Structure formats: C-alpha cells, structure tokens
Amino acid sequence: MNRLSAGVSGFRNFMGEVWQELRKCNWPTRPELMESTVIVIVSVLLVGIYVSICDVVAQGFLNLVIR
C-alpha cells in the first residue's frame, strides 16, 4: 500500500509542476494564433500543389520510359 500512495503522491507532484510550468508559458493572442493558422494552411496547400505537380511530371516521365 505504501508504494501505491507514493505513486499517487508522485503523480500529484508531477501534475503540480506541470501546472506551474504552463503558467510560465507565453500563450499567443487570438490575432497571433489566427495569423499562424493562416500561414500553416497556405504552406500546406502550396506544398500539396508542388507535390501534385511533381507526381504528374514523374508519372508522365515514367509512362514515356515504360512504353
């Protein structure tokens, strides 16, 4: 039973320390968060378009080589 109470006590200490560290974090404001979200979405779309174009080009090249 002693090990169980030590485990629970250790978990409580850990969660308390986590909570203290989270209070120290500098959380973004809503406008900063929206700007970052837009940047990520645009970046993902651009990379997706680039990969799609590379895929089409590679597929066309392979079709020429195979035939």
N, C-alpha and C. Protein backbone atom coordinates (compact mmCIF):
# COMPACT_ATOMS: atom_id res chain seq x y z
N MET A 1 0.83 -1.19 0.00
CA MET A 1 0.00 0.00 0.00
C MET A 1 0.87 1.25 0.00
N ASN A 2 2.04 1.15 0.58
CA ASN A 2 2.94 2.29 0.65
C ASN A 2 3.39 2.71 -0.75
N ARG A 3 3.63 1.72 -1.63
CA ARG A 3 4.07 2.04 -2.98
C ARG A 3 2.96 2.75 -3.76
N LEU A 4 1.71 2.35 -3.50
CA LEU A 4 0.58 2.97 -4.18
C LEU A 4 0.44 4.43 -3.77
N SER A 5 0.54 4.69 -2.49
CA SER A 5 0.41 6.08 -2.02
C SER A 5 1.60 6.92 -2.49
N ALA A 6 2.77 6.31 -2.59
CA ALA A 6 3.93 7.03 -3.10
C ALA A 6 3.75 7.35 -4.57
N GLY A 7 3.15 6.42 -5.32
CA GLY A 7 2.89 6.65 -6.74
C GLY A 7 1.89 7.77 -6.95
N VAL A 8 0.82 7.76 -6.15
CA VAL A 8 -0.20 8.81 -6.25
C VAL A 8 0.40 10.15 -5.86
N SER A 9 1.20 10.16 -4.81
CA SER A 9 1.84 11.40 -4.37
C SER A 9 2.80 11.92 -5.44
N GLY A 10 3.55 11.02 -6.05
CA GLY A 10 4.46 11.42 -7.12
C GLY A 10 3.71 12.00 -8.31
N PHE A 11 2.58 11.39 -8.65
CA PHE A 11 1.77 11.87 -9.76
C PHE A 11 1.22 13.26 -9.45
N ARG A 12 0.75 13.46 -8.23
CA ARG A 12 0.24 14.79 -7.85
C ARG A 12 1.34 15.84 -7.93
N ASN A 13 2.54 15.49 -7.45
CA ASN A 13 3.66 16.43 -7.54
C ASN A 13 3.98 16.77 -8.99
N PHE A 14 3.99 15.74 -9.83
CA PHE A 14 4.27 15.94 -11.25
C PHE A 14 3.24 16.88 -11.88
N MET A 15 1.96 16.63 -11.62
CA MET A 15 0.91 17.46 -12.19
C MET A 15 0.99 18.90 -11.67
N GLY A 16 1.36 19.07 -10.41
CA GLY A 16 1.53 20.41 -9.87
C GLY A 16 2.66 21.16 -10.57
N GLU A 17 3.76 20.45 -10.83
CA GLU A 17 4.89 21.06 -11.53
C GLU A 17 4.53 21.39 -12.97
N VAL A 18 3.76 20.51 -13.60
CA VAL A 18 3.31 20.77 -14.97
C VAL A 18 2.46 22.03 -15.00
N TRP A 19 1.54 22.17 -14.05
CA TRP A 19 0.66 23.32 -13.99
C TRP A 19 1.47 24.60 -13.79
N GLN A 20 2.50 24.55 -12.93
CA GLN A 20 3.35 25.72 -12.71
C GLN A 20 4.08 26.12 -14.00
N GLU A 21 4.59 25.14 -14.74
CA GLU A 21 5.29 25.43 -15.98
C GLU A 21 4.34 26.00 -17.03
N LEU A 22 3.10 25.49 -17.07
CA LEU A 22 2.14 26.02 -18.03
C LEU A 22 1.79 27.47 -17.74
N ARG A 23 1.81 27.86 -16.49
CA ARG A 23 1.55 29.27 -16.14
C ARG A 23 2.67 30.17 -16.64
N LYS A 24 3.87 29.65 -16.76
CA LYS A 24 5.02 30.44 -17.21
C LYS A 24 5.01 30.64 -18.73
N CYS A 25 4.24 29.82 -19.45
CA CYS A 25 4.23 29.90 -20.92
C CYS A 25 3.65 31.21 -21.39
N ASN A 26 4.20 31.69 -22.49
CA ASN A 26 3.68 32.89 -23.13
C ASN A 26 2.73 32.45 -24.23
N TRP A 27 1.44 32.41 -23.94
CA TRP A 27 0.45 31.94 -24.88
C TRP A 27 0.17 33.01 -25.92
N PRO A 28 -0.05 32.61 -27.19
CA PRO A 28 -0.30 33.60 -28.24
C PRO A 28 -1.68 34.25 -28.08
N THR A 29 -1.75 35.48 -28.56
CA THR A 29 -3.05 36.16 -28.57
C THR A 29 -3.88 35.60 -29.72
N ARG A 30 -5.15 35.92 -29.72
CA ARG A 30 -6.04 35.41 -30.78
C ARG A 30 -5.58 35.86 -32.17
N PRO A 31 -5.22 37.15 -32.37
CA PRO A 31 -4.74 37.55 -33.70
C PRO A 31 -3.46 36.82 -34.12
N GLU A 32 -2.54 36.60 -33.18
CA GLU A 32 -1.32 35.86 -33.49
C GLU A 32 -1.64 34.43 -33.89
N LEU A 33 -2.57 33.83 -33.18
CA LEU A 33 -2.97 32.46 -33.47
C LEU A 33 -3.63 32.34 -34.84
N MET A 34 -4.49 33.29 -35.17
CA MET A 34 -5.16 33.29 -36.47
C MET A 34 -4.14 33.47 -37.59
N GLU A 35 -3.18 34.37 -37.40
CA GLU A 35 -2.15 34.60 -38.42
C GLU A 35 -1.31 33.34 -38.63
N SER A 36 -0.91 32.72 -37.56
CA SER A 36 -0.12 31.49 -37.67
C SER A 36 -0.91 30.38 -38.34
N THR A 37 -2.18 30.28 -38.03
CA THR A 37 -3.03 29.25 -38.64
C THR A 37 -3.14 29.47 -40.14
N VAL A 38 -3.33 30.71 -40.56
CA VAL A 38 -3.42 31.02 -41.99
C VAL A 38 -2.11 30.67 -42.69
N ILE A 39 -0.99 31.00 -42.07
CA ILE A 39 0.32 30.70 -42.65
C ILE A 39 0.49 29.19 -42.82
N VAL A 40 0.09 28.43 -41.83
CA VAL A 40 0.22 26.97 -41.90
C VAL A 40 -0.68 26.41 -43.01
N ILE A 41 -1.90 26.87 -43.09
CA ILE A 41 -2.82 26.36 -44.11
C ILE A 41 -2.32 26.69 -45.51
N VAL A 42 -1.86 27.92 -45.73
CA VAL A 42 -1.33 28.30 -47.04
C VAL A 42 -0.09 27.48 -47.37
N SER A 43 0.79 27.29 -46.40
CA SER A 43 2.01 26.50 -46.63
C SER A 43 1.66 25.07 -47.01
N VAL A 44 0.71 24.47 -46.32
CA VAL A 44 0.32 23.09 -46.62
C VAL A 44 -0.28 23.00 -48.02
N LEU A 45 -1.09 23.98 -48.39
CA LEU A 45 -1.67 23.98 -49.74
C LEU A 45 -0.58 24.12 -50.80
N LEU A 46 0.38 25.01 -50.59
CA LEU A 46 1.46 25.19 -51.56
C LEU A 46 2.31 23.93 -51.70
N VAL A 47 2.63 23.31 -50.59
CA VAL A 47 3.42 22.07 -50.65
C VAL A 47 2.61 20.96 -51.33
N GLY A 48 1.32 20.90 -51.06
CA GLY A 48 0.47 19.91 -51.70
C GLY A 48 0.41 20.10 -53.21
N ILE A 49 0.30 21.35 -53.65
CA ILE A 49 0.29 21.64 -55.09
C ILE A 49 1.63 21.26 -55.71
N TYR A 50 2.71 21.60 -55.04
CA TYR A 50 4.05 21.26 -55.55
C TYR A 50 4.23 19.74 -55.68
N VAL A 51 3.83 19.02 -54.66
CA VAL A 51 3.96 17.55 -54.70
C VAL A 51 3.07 16.96 -55.79
N SER A 52 1.88 17.51 -55.97
CA SER A 52 0.99 17.02 -57.03
C SER A 52 1.60 17.25 -58.41
N ILE A 53 2.17 18.41 -58.63
CA ILE A 53 2.81 18.71 -59.92
C ILE A 53 3.99 17.76 -60.14
N CYS A 54 4.80 17.56 -59.12
CA CYS A 54 5.94 16.63 -59.24
C CYS A 54 5.45 15.22 -59.55
N ASP A 55 4.35 14.82 -58.94
CA ASP A 55 3.80 13.49 -59.17
C ASP A 55 3.33 13.34 -60.62
N VAL A 56 2.64 14.34 -61.13
CA VAL A 56 2.15 14.28 -62.51
C VAL A 56 3.33 14.24 -63.48
N VAL A 57 4.35 15.05 -63.25
CA VAL A 57 5.53 15.06 -64.12
C VAL A 57 6.24 13.71 -64.06
N ALA A 58 6.43 13.17 -62.87
CA ALA A 58 7.11 11.89 -62.72
C ALA A 58 6.30 10.77 -63.38
N GLN A 59 4.99 10.81 -63.23
CA GLN A 59 4.14 9.80 -63.84
C GLN A 59 4.23 9.87 -65.36
N GLY A 60 4.21 11.07 -65.91
CA GLY A 60 4.35 11.23 -67.36
C GLY A 60 5.69 10.73 -67.85
N PHE A 61 6.74 11.06 -67.11
CA PHE A 61 8.08 10.59 -67.49
C PHE A 61 8.17 9.07 -67.45
N LEU A 62 7.64 8.46 -66.41
CA LEU A 62 7.67 7.01 -66.31
C LEU A 62 6.84 6.34 -67.41
N ASN A 63 5.72 6.96 -67.77
CA ASN A 63 4.91 6.42 -68.88
C ASN A 63 5.70 6.44 -70.18
N LEU A 64 6.48 7.50 -70.41
CA LEU A 64 7.32 7.56 -71.61
C LEU A 64 8.42 6.50 -71.59
N VAL A 65 9.01 6.28 -70.43
CA VAL A 65 10.10 5.32 -70.32
C VAL A 65 9.57 3.90 -70.47
N ILE A 66 8.44 3.59 -69.87
CA ILE A 66 7.90 2.23 -69.88
C ILE A 66 7.41 1.86 -71.29
N ARG A 67 6.80 2.79 -71.99
CA ARG A 67 6.26 2.48 -73.33
C ARG A 67 7.31 2.46 -74.33
